């Protein structure tokens, strides 16, 4: 599910970049595990999600995936990207943690 996202086109929802392994006992006609997949949603759900992602900075991302009988269910969420100052803060925090790890490693 890493790097996967969902898009609404022409009133239909599609998910891109999600890897679903092919059936092991299948034959050569197995489909590509990374293909674009159509999501089955009610019109009301599609309209609600479309309204939410129209706002600037919001996107539709899959949160979890599970099997129920013969179907694969995907839970979707609305995500907002980080601001530039948030990214800088996270990079500085990771840098500080790395320096602490190195100092502890070298002192032992």
PDB file of N, CA and C in Angstrom:
ATOM      1  N   UNK A   1       0.816  -1.195   0.000  1.00  0.00           N
ATOM      2  CA  UNK A   1       0.000   0.000   0.000  1.00  0.00           C
ATOM      3  C   UNK A   1       0.856   1.254   0.000  1.00  0.00           C
ATOM      4  N   UNK A   2       2.155   1.086   0.039  1.00  0.00           N
ATOM      5  CA  UNK A   2       3.049   2.229   0.023  1.00  0.00           C
ATOM      6  C   UNK A   2       2.949   2.935  -1.333  1.00  0.00           C
ATOM      7  N   UNK A   3       2.895   4.236  -1.321  1.00  0.00           N
ATOM      8  CA  UNK A   3       2.828   5.068  -2.527  1.00  0.00           C
ATOM      9  C   UNK A   3       1.551   4.854  -3.336  1.00  0.00           C
ATOM     10  N   UNK A   4       0.492   4.368  -2.723  1.00  0.00           N
ATOM     11  CA  UNK A   4      -0.760   4.198  -3.454  1.00  0.00           C
ATOM     12  C   UNK A   4      -1.683   5.379  -3.162  1.00  0.00           C
ATOM     13  N   UNK A   5      -2.577   5.646  -4.096  1.00  0.00           N
ATOM     14  CA  UNK A   5      -3.516   6.742  -3.941  1.00  0.00           C
ATOM     15  C   UNK A   5      -4.766   6.446  -4.757  1.00  0.00           C
ATOM     16  N   UNK A   6      -5.831   7.162  -4.458  1.00  0.00           N
ATOM     17  CA  UNK A   6      -7.094   6.982  -5.165  1.00  0.00           C
ATOM     18  C   UNK A   6      -7.464   8.285  -5.871  1.00  0.00           C
ATOM     19  N   UNK A   7      -8.176   8.137  -6.995  1.00  0.00           N
ATOM     20  CA  UNK A   7      -8.594   9.277  -7.809  1.00  0.00           C
ATOM     21  C   UNK A   7     -10.044   9.065  -8.219  1.00  0.00           C
ATOM     22  N   UNK A   8     -10.777  10.154  -8.346  1.00  0.00           N
ATOM     23  CA  UNK A   8     -12.149  10.072  -8.843  1.00  0.00           C
ATOM     24  C   UNK A   8     -12.174  10.698 -10.225  1.00  0.00           C
ATOM     25  N   UNK A   9     -12.506   9.860 -11.240  1.00  0.00           N
ATOM     26  CA  UNK A   9     -12.581  10.309 -12.631  1.00  0.00           C
ATOM     27  C   UNK A   9     -13.944   9.946 -13.194  1.00  0.00           C
ATOM     28  N   UNK A  10     -14.584  10.901 -13.821  1.00  0.00           N
ATOM     29  CA  UNK A  10     -15.871  10.673 -14.484  1.00  0.00           C
ATOM     30  C   UNK A  10     -16.881   9.993 -13.562  1.00  0.00           C
ATOM     31  N   UNK A  11     -16.892  10.369 -12.299  1.00  0.00           N
ATOM     32  CA  UNK A  11     -17.847   9.811 -11.353  1.00  0.00           C
ATOM     33  C   UNK A  11     -17.521   8.395 -10.901  1.00  0.00           C
ATOM     34  N   UNK A  12     -16.303   7.928 -11.146  1.00  0.00           N
ATOM     35  CA  UNK A  12     -15.877   6.601 -10.721  1.00  0.00           C
ATOM     36  C   UNK A  12     -14.581   6.727  -9.929  1.00  0.00           C
ATOM     37  N   UNK A  13     -14.416   5.854  -8.945  1.00  0.00           N
ATOM     38  CA  UNK A  13     -13.223   5.899  -8.102  1.00  0.00           C
ATOM     39  C   UNK A  13     -12.247   4.807  -8.527  1.00  0.00           C
ATOM     40  N   UNK A  14     -10.975   5.167  -8.647  1.00  0.00           N
ATOM     41  CA  UNK A  14      -9.924   4.234  -9.023  1.00  0.00           C
ATOM     42  C   UNK A  14      -8.783   4.348  -8.025  1.00  0.00           C
ATOM     43  N   UNK A  15      -8.103   3.228  -7.787  1.00  0.00           N
ATOM     44  CA  UNK A  15      -6.940   3.228  -6.909  1.00  0.00           C
ATOM     45  C   UNK A  15      -5.717   2.853  -7.741  1.00  0.00           C
ATOM     46  N   UNK A  16      -4.621   3.593  -7.549  1.00  0.00           N
ATOM     47  CA  UNK A  16      -3.384   3.400  -8.299  1.00  0.00           C
ATOM     48  C   UNK A  16      -2.264   2.981  -7.356  1.00  0.00           C
ATOM     49  N   UNK A  17      -1.365   2.149  -7.858  1.00  0.00           N
ATOM     50  CA  UNK A  17      -0.138   1.826  -7.147  1.00  0.00           C
ATOM     51  C   UNK A  17      -0.290   0.874  -5.983  1.00  0.00           C
ATOM     52  N   UNK A  18      -1.416   0.194  -5.858  1.00  0.00           N
ATOM     53  CA  UNK A  18      -1.586  -0.740  -4.756  1.00  0.00           C
ATOM     54  C   UNK A  18      -1.236  -2.140  -5.250  1.00  0.00           C
ATOM     55  N   UNK A  19      -0.458  -2.855  -4.469  1.00  0.00           N
ATOM     56  CA  UNK A  19       0.005  -4.188  -4.883  1.00  0.00           C
ATOM     57  C   UNK A  19      -0.861  -5.255  -4.230  1.00  0.00           C
ATOM     58  N   UNK A  20      -1.554  -6.043  -5.053  1.00  0.00           N
ATOM     59  CA  UNK A  20      -2.332  -7.178  -4.578  1.00  0.00           C
ATOM     60  C   UNK A  20      -1.768  -8.402  -5.278  1.00  0.00           C
ATOM     61  N   UNK A  21      -1.167  -9.287  -4.506  1.00  0.00           N
ATOM     62  CA  UNK A  21      -0.477 -10.449  -5.069  1.00  0.00           C
ATOM     63  C   UNK A  21      -1.439 -11.345  -5.844  1.00  0.00           C
ATOM     64  N   UNK A  22      -0.963 -11.907  -6.960  1.00  0.00           N
ATOM     65  CA  UNK A  22      -1.820 -12.808  -7.738  1.00  0.00           C
ATOM     66  C   UNK A  22      -2.018 -14.135  -7.011  1.00  0.00           C
ATOM     67  N   UNK A  23      -3.046 -14.850  -7.398  1.00  0.00           N
ATOM     68  CA  UNK A  23      -3.360 -16.148  -6.818  1.00  0.00           C
ATOM     69  C   UNK A  23      -2.254 -17.128  -7.179  1.00  0.00           C
ATOM     70  N   UNK A  24      -1.649 -17.755  -6.168  1.00  0.00           N
ATOM     71  CA  UNK A  24      -0.501 -18.628  -6.393  1.00  0.00           C
ATOM     72  C   UNK A  24      -0.837 -19.842  -7.243  1.00  0.00           C
ATOM     73  N   UNK A  25      -2.048 -20.357  -7.098  1.00  0.00           N
ATOM     74  CA  UNK A  25      -2.441 -21.553  -7.839  1.00  0.00           C
ATOM     75  C   UNK A  25      -2.976 -21.206  -9.231  1.00  0.00           C
ATOM     76  N   UNK A  26      -2.949 -19.924  -9.583  1.00  0.00           N
ATOM     77  CA  UNK A  26      -3.451 -19.493 -10.882  1.00  0.00           C
ATOM     78  C   UNK A  26      -2.519 -19.892 -12.011  1.00  0.00           C
ATOM     79  N   UNK A  27      -2.884 -19.502 -13.224  1.00  0.00           N
ATOM     80  CA  UNK A  27      -2.074 -19.853 -14.388  1.00  0.00           C
ATOM     81  C   UNK A  27      -1.512 -18.594 -15.035  1.00  0.00           C
ATOM     82  N   UNK A  28      -1.132 -18.682 -16.270  1.00  0.00           N
ATOM     83  CA  UNK A  28      -0.496 -17.569 -16.977  1.00  0.00           C
ATOM     84  C   UNK A  28      -1.441 -16.381 -17.175  1.00  0.00           C
ATOM     85  N   UNK A  29      -2.725 -16.595 -16.993  1.00  0.00           N
ATOM     86  CA  UNK A  29      -3.701 -15.523 -17.207  1.00  0.00           C
ATOM     87  C   UNK A  29      -3.895 -14.656 -15.969  1.00  0.00           C
ATOM     88  N   UNK A  30      -3.043 -14.798 -14.959  1.00  0.00           N
ATOM     89  CA  UNK A  30      -3.115 -13.916 -13.793  1.00  0.00           C
ATOM     90  C   UNK A  30      -2.881 -12.475 -14.228  1.00  0.00           C
ATOM     91  N   UNK A  31      -3.558 -11.555 -13.573  1.00  0.00           N
ATOM     92  CA  UNK A  31      -3.443 -10.136 -13.910  1.00  0.00           C
ATOM     93  C   UNK A  31      -2.218  -9.514 -13.234  1.00  0.00           C
ATOM     94  N   UNK A  32      -1.835  -8.347 -13.727  1.00  0.00           N
ATOM     95  CA  UNK A  32      -0.718  -7.593 -13.166  1.00  0.00           C
ATOM     96  C   UNK A  32      -1.062  -7.153 -11.735  1.00  0.00           C
ATOM     97  N   UNK A  33      -0.206  -7.427 -10.757  1.00  0.00           N
ATOM     98  CA  UNK A  33      -0.535  -7.079  -9.370  1.00  0.00           C
ATOM     99  C   UNK A  33      -0.581  -5.578  -9.099  1.00  0.00           C
ATOM    100  N   UNK A  34       0.011  -4.750  -9.945  1.00  0.00           N
ATOM    101  CA  UNK A  34       0.020  -3.299  -9.736  1.00  0.00           C
ATOM    102  C   UNK A  34      -0.963  -2.549 -10.624  1.00  0.00           C
ATOM    103  N   UNK A  35      -1.874  -3.248 -11.258  1.00  0.00           N
ATOM    104  CA  UNK A  35      -2.787  -2.575 -12.193  1.00  0.00           C
ATOM    105  C   UNK A  35      -3.739  -1.621 -11.468  1.00  0.00           C
ATOM    106  N   UNK A  36      -4.302  -0.695 -12.229  1.00  0.00           N
ATOM    107  CA  UNK A  36      -5.293   0.233 -11.700  1.00  0.00           C
ATOM    108  C   UNK A  36      -6.569  -0.545 -11.412  1.00  0.00           C
ATOM    109  N   UNK A  37      -7.161  -0.282 -10.258  1.00  0.00           N
ATOM    110  CA  UNK A  37      -8.364  -1.017  -9.879  1.00  0.00           C
ATOM    111  C   UNK A  37      -9.512  -0.052  -9.626  1.00  0.00           C
ATOM    112  N   UNK A  38     -10.683  -0.470 -10.072  1.00  0.00           N
ATOM    113  CA  UNK A  38     -11.882   0.337  -9.887  1.00  0.00           C
ATOM    114  C   UNK A  38     -12.490   0.003  -8.531  1.00  0.00           C
ATOM    115  N   UNK A  39     -12.882   1.035  -7.791  1.00  0.00           N
ATOM    116  CA  UNK A  39     -13.495   0.843  -6.487  1.00  0.00           C
ATOM    117  C   UNK A  39     -15.007   0.903  -6.620  1.00  0.00           C
ATOM    118  N   UNK A  40     -15.678   0.027  -5.945  1.00  0.00           N
ATOM    119  CA  UNK A  40     -17.135   0.006  -5.970  1.00  0.00           C
ATOM    120  C   UNK A  40     -17.663   0.824  -4.797  1.00  0.00           C
ATOM    121  N   UNK A  41     -18.156   2.012  -5.107  1.00  0.00           N
ATOM    122  CA  UNK A  41     -18.690   2.923  -4.094  1.00  0.00           C
ATOM    123  C   UNK A  41     -20.071   3.388  -4.530  1.00  0.00           C
ATOM    124  N   UNK A  42     -20.897   3.776  -3.557  1.00  0.00           N
ATOM    125  CA  UNK A  42     -22.188   4.365  -3.870  1.00  0.00           C
ATOM    126  C   UNK A  42     -21.984   5.756  -4.445  1.00  0.00           C
ATOM    127  N   UNK A  43     -22.921   6.224  -5.229  1.00  0.00           N
ATOM    128  CA  UNK A  43     -22.850   7.561  -5.820  1.00  0.00           C
ATOM    129  C   UNK A  43     -22.702   8.614  -4.721  1.00  0.00           C
ATOM    130  N   UNK A  44     -23.431   8.447  -3.636  1.00  0.00           N
ATOM    131  CA  UNK A  44     -23.376   9.401  -2.523  1.00  0.00           C
ATOM    132  C   UNK A  44     -21.975   9.438  -1.912  1.00  0.00           C
ATOM    133  N   UNK A  45     -21.357   8.278  -1.748  1.00  0.00           N
ATOM    134  CA  UNK A  45     -19.999   8.216  -1.202  1.00  0.00           C
ATOM    135  C   UNK A  45     -18.996   8.898  -2.133  1.00  0.00           C
ATOM    136  N   UNK A  46     -19.127   8.623  -3.423  1.00  0.00           N
ATOM    137  CA  UNK A  46     -18.226   9.233  -4.407  1.00  0.00           C
ATOM    138  C   UNK A  46     -18.364  10.747  -4.383  1.00  0.00           C
ATOM    139  N   UNK A  47     -19.584  11.246  -4.355  1.00  0.00           N
ATOM    140  CA  UNK A  47     -19.808  12.695  -4.339  1.00  0.00           C
ATOM    141  C   UNK A  47     -19.244  13.339  -3.070  1.00  0.00           C
ATOM    142  N   UNK A  48     -19.395  12.669  -1.925  1.00  0.00           N
ATOM    143  CA  UNK A  48     -18.881  13.199  -0.664  1.00  0.00           C
ATOM    144  C   UNK A  48     -17.356  13.264  -0.689  1.00  0.00           C
ATOM    145  N   UNK A  49     -16.721  12.175  -1.160  1.00  0.00           N
ATOM    146  CA  UNK A  49     -15.257  12.152  -1.237  1.00  0.00           C
ATOM    147  C   UNK A  49     -14.745  13.168  -2.253  1.00  0.00           C
ATOM    148  N   UNK A  50     -15.438  13.285  -3.390  1.00  0.00           N
ATOM    149  CA  UNK A  50     -15.026  14.227  -4.426  1.00  0.00           C
ATOM    150  C   UNK A  50     -15.076  15.659  -3.897  1.00  0.00           C
ATOM    151  N   UNK A  51     -16.115  15.978  -3.129  1.00  0.00           N
ATOM    152  CA  UNK A  51     -16.230  17.312  -2.533  1.00  0.00           C
ATOM    153  C   UNK A  51     -15.095  17.602  -1.560  1.00  0.00           C
ATOM    154  N   UNK A  52     -14.685  16.578  -0.818  1.00  0.00           N
ATOM    155  CA  UNK A  52     -13.616  16.775   0.160  1.00  0.00           C
ATOM    156  C   UNK A  52     -12.256  16.969  -0.505  1.00  0.00           C
ATOM    157  N   UNK A  53     -11.982  16.212  -1.576  1.00  0.00           N
ATOM    158  CA  UNK A  53     -10.653  16.315  -2.186  1.00  0.00           C
ATOM    159  C   UNK A  53     -10.542  17.481  -3.163  1.00  0.00           C
ATOM    160  N   UNK A  54     -11.637  18.186  -3.422  1.00  0.00           N
ATOM    161  CA  UNK A  54     -11.577  19.373  -4.279  1.00  0.00           C
ATOM    162  C   UNK A  54     -10.847  20.514  -3.570  1.00  0.00           C
ATOM    163  N   UNK A  55     -10.831  20.488  -2.242  1.00  0.00           N
ATOM    164  CA  UNK A  55     -10.135  21.518  -1.497  1.00  0.00           C
ATOM    165  C   UNK A  55      -8.633  21.383  -1.742  1.00  0.00           C
ATOM    166  N   UNK A  56      -7.947  22.492  -1.747  1.00  0.00           N
ATOM    167  CA  UNK A  56      -6.521  22.496  -2.050  1.00  0.00           C
ATOM    168  C   UNK A  56      -5.722  21.741  -0.993  1.00  0.00           C
ATOM    169  N   UNK A  57      -4.843  20.872  -1.445  1.00  0.00           N
ATOM    170  CA  UNK A  57      -3.944  20.178  -0.546  1.00  0.00           C
ATOM    171  C   UNK A  57      -4.444  18.851  -0.015  1.00  0.00           C
ATOM    172  N   UNK A  58      -5.660  18.448  -0.349  1.00  0.00           N
ATOM    173  CA  UNK A  58      -6.207  17.197   0.147  1.00  0.00           C
ATOM    174  C   UNK A  58      -6.127  16.116  -0.922  1.00  0.00           C
ATOM    175  N   UNK A  59      -5.909  14.892  -0.492  1.00  0.00           N
ATOM    176  CA  UNK A  59      -5.879  13.773  -1.433  1.00  0.00           C
ATOM    177  C   UNK A  59      -6.511  12.548  -0.782  1.00  0.00           C
ATOM    178  N   UNK A  60      -6.850  11.591  -1.605  1.00  0.00           N
ATOM    179  CA  UNK A  60      -7.530  10.377  -1.175  1.00  0.00           C
ATOM    180  C   UNK A  60      -6.512   9.246  -1.132  1.00  0.00           C
ATOM    181  N   UNK A  61      -6.317   8.647   0.048  1.00  0.00           N
ATOM    182  CA  UNK A  61      -5.310   7.595   0.205  1.00  0.00           C
ATOM    183  C   UNK A  61      -5.922   6.362   0.867  1.00  0.00           C
ATOM    184  N   UNK A  62      -5.482   5.172   0.453  1.00  0.00           N
ATOM    185  CA  UNK A  62      -5.946   3.959   1.123  1.00  0.00           C
ATOM    186  C   UNK A  62      -5.253   3.810   2.480  1.00  0.00           C
ATOM    187  N   UNK A  63      -6.032   3.492   3.501  1.00  0.00           N
ATOM    188  CA  UNK A  63      -5.506   3.362   4.855  1.00  0.00           C
ATOM    189  C   UNK A  63      -5.264   1.897   5.195  1.00  0.00           C
ATOM    190  N   UNK A  64      -6.245   1.060   4.908  1.00  0.00           N
ATOM    191  CA  UNK A  64      -6.089  -0.356   5.216  1.00  0.00           C
ATOM    192  C   UNK A  64      -6.763  -1.193   4.137  1.00  0.00           C
ATOM    193  N   UNK A  65      -6.360  -2.458   4.092  1.00  0.00           N
ATOM    194  CA  UNK A  65      -6.898  -3.373   3.096  1.00  0.00           C
ATOM    195  C   UNK A  65      -7.098  -4.721   3.785  1.00  0.00           C
ATOM    196  N   UNK A  66      -8.247  -5.339   3.537  1.00  0.00           N
ATOM    197  CA  UNK A  66      -8.518  -6.641   4.134  1.00  0.00           C
ATOM    198  C   UNK A  66      -9.405  -7.468   3.206  1.00  0.00           C
ATOM    199  N   UNK A  67      -9.415  -8.767   3.443  1.00  0.00           N
ATOM    200  CA  UNK A  67     -10.208  -9.686   2.639  1.00  0.00           C
ATOM    201  C   UNK A  67     -11.504 -10.003   3.365  1.00  0.00           C
ATOM    202  N   UNK A  68     -12.586 -10.058   2.612  1.00  0.00           N
ATOM    203  CA  UNK A  68     -13.876 -10.478   3.149  1.00  0.00           C
ATOM    204  C   UNK A  68     -14.502 -11.378   2.097  1.00  0.00           C
ATOM    205  N   UNK A  69     -14.515 -12.662   2.394  1.00  0.00           N
ATOM    206  CA  UNK A  69     -14.916 -13.708   1.453  1.00  0.00           C
ATOM    207  C   UNK A  69     -14.023 -13.623   0.215  1.00  0.00           C
ATOM    208  N   UNK A  70     -14.597 -13.379  -0.956  1.00  0.00           N
ATOM    209  CA  UNK A  70     -13.816 -13.326  -2.197  1.00  0.00           C
ATOM    210  C   UNK A  70     -13.441 -11.901  -2.603  1.00  0.00           C
ATOM    211  N   UNK A  71     -13.790 -10.942  -1.779  1.00  0.00           N
ATOM    212  CA  UNK A  71     -13.552  -9.538  -2.122  1.00  0.00           C
ATOM    213  C   UNK A  71     -12.421  -8.947  -1.300  1.00  0.00           C
ATOM    214  N   UNK A  72     -11.810  -7.929  -1.850  1.00  0.00           N
ATOM    215  CA  UNK A  72     -10.809  -7.161  -1.126  1.00  0.00           C
ATOM    216  C   UNK A  72     -11.429  -5.811  -0.795  1.00  0.00           C
ATOM    217  N   UNK A  73     -11.434  -5.474   0.475  1.00  0.00           N
ATOM    218  CA  UNK A  73     -12.008  -4.211   0.926  1.00  0.00           C
ATOM    219  C   UNK A  73     -10.864  -3.241   1.211  1.00  0.00           C
ATOM    220  N   UNK A  74     -11.039  -1.993   0.786  1.00  0.00           N
ATOM    221  CA  UNK A  74     -10.033  -0.962   1.011  1.00  0.00           C
ATOM    222  C   UNK A  74     -10.687   0.193   1.753  1.00  0.00           C
ATOM    223  N   UNK A  75     -10.087   0.562   2.878  1.00  0.00           N
ATOM    224  CA  UNK A  75     -10.571   1.698   3.645  1.00  0.00           C
ATOM    225  C   UNK A  75      -9.832   2.941   3.163  1.00  0.00           C
ATOM    226  N   UNK A  76     -10.591   3.968   2.779  1.00  0.00           N
ATOM    227  CA  UNK A  76     -10.002   5.197   2.244  1.00  0.00           C
ATOM    228  C   UNK A  76     -10.031   6.301   3.291  1.00  0.00           C
ATOM    229  N   UNK A  77      -9.070   7.197   3.189  1.00  0.00           N
ATOM    230  CA  UNK A  77      -9.013   8.351   4.075  1.00  0.00           C
ATOM    231  C   UNK A  77      -8.606   9.595   3.299  1.00  0.00           C
ATOM    232  N   UNK A  78      -8.949  10.729   3.850  1.00  0.00           N
ATOM    233  CA  UNK A  78      -8.577  12.008   3.248  1.00  0.00           C
ATOM    234  C   UNK A  78      -7.299  12.466   3.935  1.00  0.00           C
ATOM    235  N   UNK A  79      -6.261  12.750   3.153  1.00  0.00           N
ATOM    236  CA  UNK A  79      -4.983  13.173   3.719  1.00  0.00           C
ATOM    237  C   UNK A  79      -4.600  14.553   3.229  1.00  0.00           C
ATOM    238  N   UNK A  80      -3.866  15.259   4.064  1.00  0.00           N
ATOM    239  CA  UNK A  80      -3.382  16.585   3.695  1.00  0.00           C
ATOM    240  C   UNK A  80      -1.870  16.562   3.776  1.00  0.00           C
ATOM    241  N   UNK A  81      -1.209  17.088   2.771  1.00  0.00           N
ATOM    242  CA  UNK A  81       0.247  17.107   2.728  1.00  0.00           C
ATOM    243  C   UNK A  81       0.833  18.027   3.781  1.00  0.00           C
ATOM    244  N   UNK A  82       2.100  17.825   4.060  1.00  0.00           N
ATOM    245  CA  UNK A  82       2.788  18.647   5.047  1.00  0.00           C
ATOM    246  C   UNK A  82       3.137  20.012   4.471  1.00  0.00           C
ATOM    247  N   UNK A  83       3.172  20.984   5.336  1.00  0.00           N
ATOM    248  CA  UNK A  83       3.651  22.312   4.963  1.00  0.00           C
ATOM    249  C   UNK A  83       5.175  22.283   4.957  1.00  0.00           C
ATOM    250  N   UNK A  84       5.793  23.250   4.325  1.00  0.00           N
ATOM    251  CA  UNK A  84       7.237  23.298   4.224  1.00  0.00           C
ATOM    252  C   UNK A  84       7.901  23.363   5.598  1.00  0.00           C
ATOM    253  N   UNK A  85       7.325  24.167   6.508  1.00  0.00           N
ATOM    254  CA  UNK A  85       7.934  24.286   7.830  1.00  0.00           C
ATOM    255  C   UNK A  85       7.811  22.974   8.612  1.00  0.00           C
ATOM    256  N   UNK A  86       6.748  22.182   8.368  1.00  0.00           N
ATOM    257  CA  UNK A  86       6.623  20.876   9.015  1.00  0.00           C
ATOM    258  C   UNK A  86       7.711  19.937   8.524  1.00  0.00           C
ATOM    259  N   UNK A  87       8.000  19.989   7.238  1.00  0.00           N
ATOM    260  CA  UNK A  87       9.036  19.131   6.670  1.00  0.00           C
ATOM    261  C   UNK A  87      10.400  19.484   7.262  1.00  0.00           C
ATOM    262  N   UNK A  88      10.664  20.777   7.387  1.00  0.00           N
ATOM    263  CA  UNK A  88      11.948  21.218   7.947  1.00  0.00           C
ATOM    264  C   UNK A  88      12.092  20.756   9.397  1.00  0.00           C
ATOM    265  N   UNK A  89      11.018  20.845  10.140  1.00  0.00           N
ATOM    266  CA  UNK A  89      11.039  20.426  11.541  1.00  0.00           C
ATOM    267  C   UNK A  89      11.319  18.930  11.649  1.00  0.00           C
ATOM    268  N   UNK A  90      10.684  18.126  10.803  1.00  0.00           N
ATOM    269  CA  UNK A  90      10.904  16.676  10.820  1.00  0.00           C
ATOM    270  C   UNK A  90      12.331  16.316  10.422  1.00  0.00           C
ATOM    271  N   UNK A  91      12.865  17.014   9.422  1.00  0.00           N
ATOM    272  CA  UNK A  91      14.245  16.751   8.994  1.00  0.00           C
ATOM    273  C   UNK A  91      15.214  17.096  10.117  1.00  0.00           C
ATOM    274  N   UNK A  92      14.999  18.220  10.784  1.00  0.00           N
ATOM    275  CA  UNK A  92      15.870  18.617  11.895  1.00  0.00           C
ATOM    276  C   UNK A  92      15.768  17.607  13.038  1.00  0.00           C
ATOM    277  N   UNK A  93      14.575  17.116  13.313  1.00  0.00           N
ATOM    278  CA  UNK A  93      14.391  16.130  14.381  1.00  0.00           C
ATOM    279  C   UNK A  93      15.116  14.827  14.052  1.00  0.00           C
ATOM    280  N   UNK A  94      15.006  14.360  12.814  1.00  0.00           N
ATOM    281  CA  UNK A  94      15.693  13.136  12.395  1.00  0.00           C
ATOM    282  C   UNK A  94      17.209  13.316  12.479  1.00  0.00           C
ATOM    283  N   UNK A  95      17.696  14.489  12.070  1.00  0.00           N
ATOM    284  CA  UNK A  95      19.128  14.786  12.155  1.00  0.00           C
ATOM    285  C   UNK A  95      19.616  14.714  13.602  1.00  0.00           C
ATOM    286  N   UNK A  96      18.871  15.320  14.498  1.00  0.00           N
ATOM    287  CA  UNK A  96      19.244  15.310  15.915  1.00  0.00           C
ATOM    288  C   UNK A  96      19.264  13.889  16.468  1.00  0.00           C
ATOM    289  N   UNK A  97      18.265  13.094  16.090  1.00  0.00           N
ATOM    290  CA  UNK A  97      18.219  11.699  16.559  1.00  0.00           C
ATOM    291  C   UNK A  97      19.413  10.907  16.033  1.00  0.00           C
ATOM    292  N   UNK A  98      19.796  11.131  14.781  1.00  0.00           N
ATOM    293  CA  UNK A  98      20.961  10.445  14.209  1.00  0.00           C
ATOM    294  C   UNK A  98      22.241  10.823  14.948  1.00  0.00           C
ATOM    295  N   UNK A  99      22.398  12.105  15.252  1.00  0.00           N
ATOM    296  CA  UNK A  99      23.586  12.551  15.982  1.00  0.00           C
ATOM    297  C   UNK A  99      23.650  11.917  17.369  1.00  0.00           C
ATOM    298  N   UNK A 100      22.514  11.823  18.041  1.00  0.00           N
ATOM    299  CA  UNK A 100      22.463  11.193  19.362  1.00  0.00           C
ATOM    300  C   UNK A 100      22.820   9.714  19.251  1.00  0.00           C
ATOM    301  N   UNK A 101      22.270   9.035  18.259  1.00  0.00           N
ATOM    302  CA  UNK A 101      22.574   7.608  18.044  1.00  0.00           C
ATOM    303  C   UNK A 101      24.071   7.407  17.808  1.00  0.00           C
ATOM    304  N   UNK A 102      24.666   8.243  16.966  1.00  0.00           N
ATOM    305  CA  UNK A 102      26.103   8.142  16.679  1.00  0.00           C
ATOM    306  C   UNK A 102      26.933   8.379  17.938  1.00  0.00           C
ATOM    307  N   UNK A 103      26.548   9.393  18.711  1.00  0.00           N
ATOM    308  CA  UNK A 103      27.293   9.707  19.927  1.00  0.00           C
ATOM    309  C   UNK A 103      27.225   8.548  20.921  1.00  0.00           C
ATOM    310  N   UNK A 104      26.024   7.971  21.063  1.00  0.00           N
ATOM    311  CA  UNK A 104      25.867   6.838  21.982  1.00  0.00           C
ATOM    312  C   UNK A 104      26.642   5.623  21.477  1.00  0.00           C
ATOM    313  N   UNK A 105      26.641   5.403  20.193  1.00  0.00           N
ATOM    314  CA  UNK A 105      27.317   4.256  19.601  1.00  0.00           C
ATOM    315  C   UNK A 105      28.850   4.383  19.767  1.00  0.00           C
ATOM    316  N   UNK A 106      29.357   5.594  19.550  1.00  0.00           N
ATOM    317  CA  UNK A 106      30.791   5.837  19.664  1.00  0.00           C
ATOM    318  C   UNK A 106      31.269   5.827  21.111  1.00  0.00           C
ATOM    319  N   UNK A 107      30.430   6.186  22.046  1.00  0.00           N
ATOM    320  CA  UNK A 107      30.843   6.241  23.446  1.00  0.00           C
ATOM    321  C   UNK A 107      30.864   4.861  24.093  1.00  0.00           C
ATOM    322  N   UNK A 108      30.178   3.907  23.510  1.00  0.00           N
ATOM    323  CA  UNK A 108      30.141   2.557  24.101  1.00  0.00           C
ATOM    324  C   UNK A 108      31.262   1.728  23.655  1.00  0.00           C
TER     325      UNK A 108
END
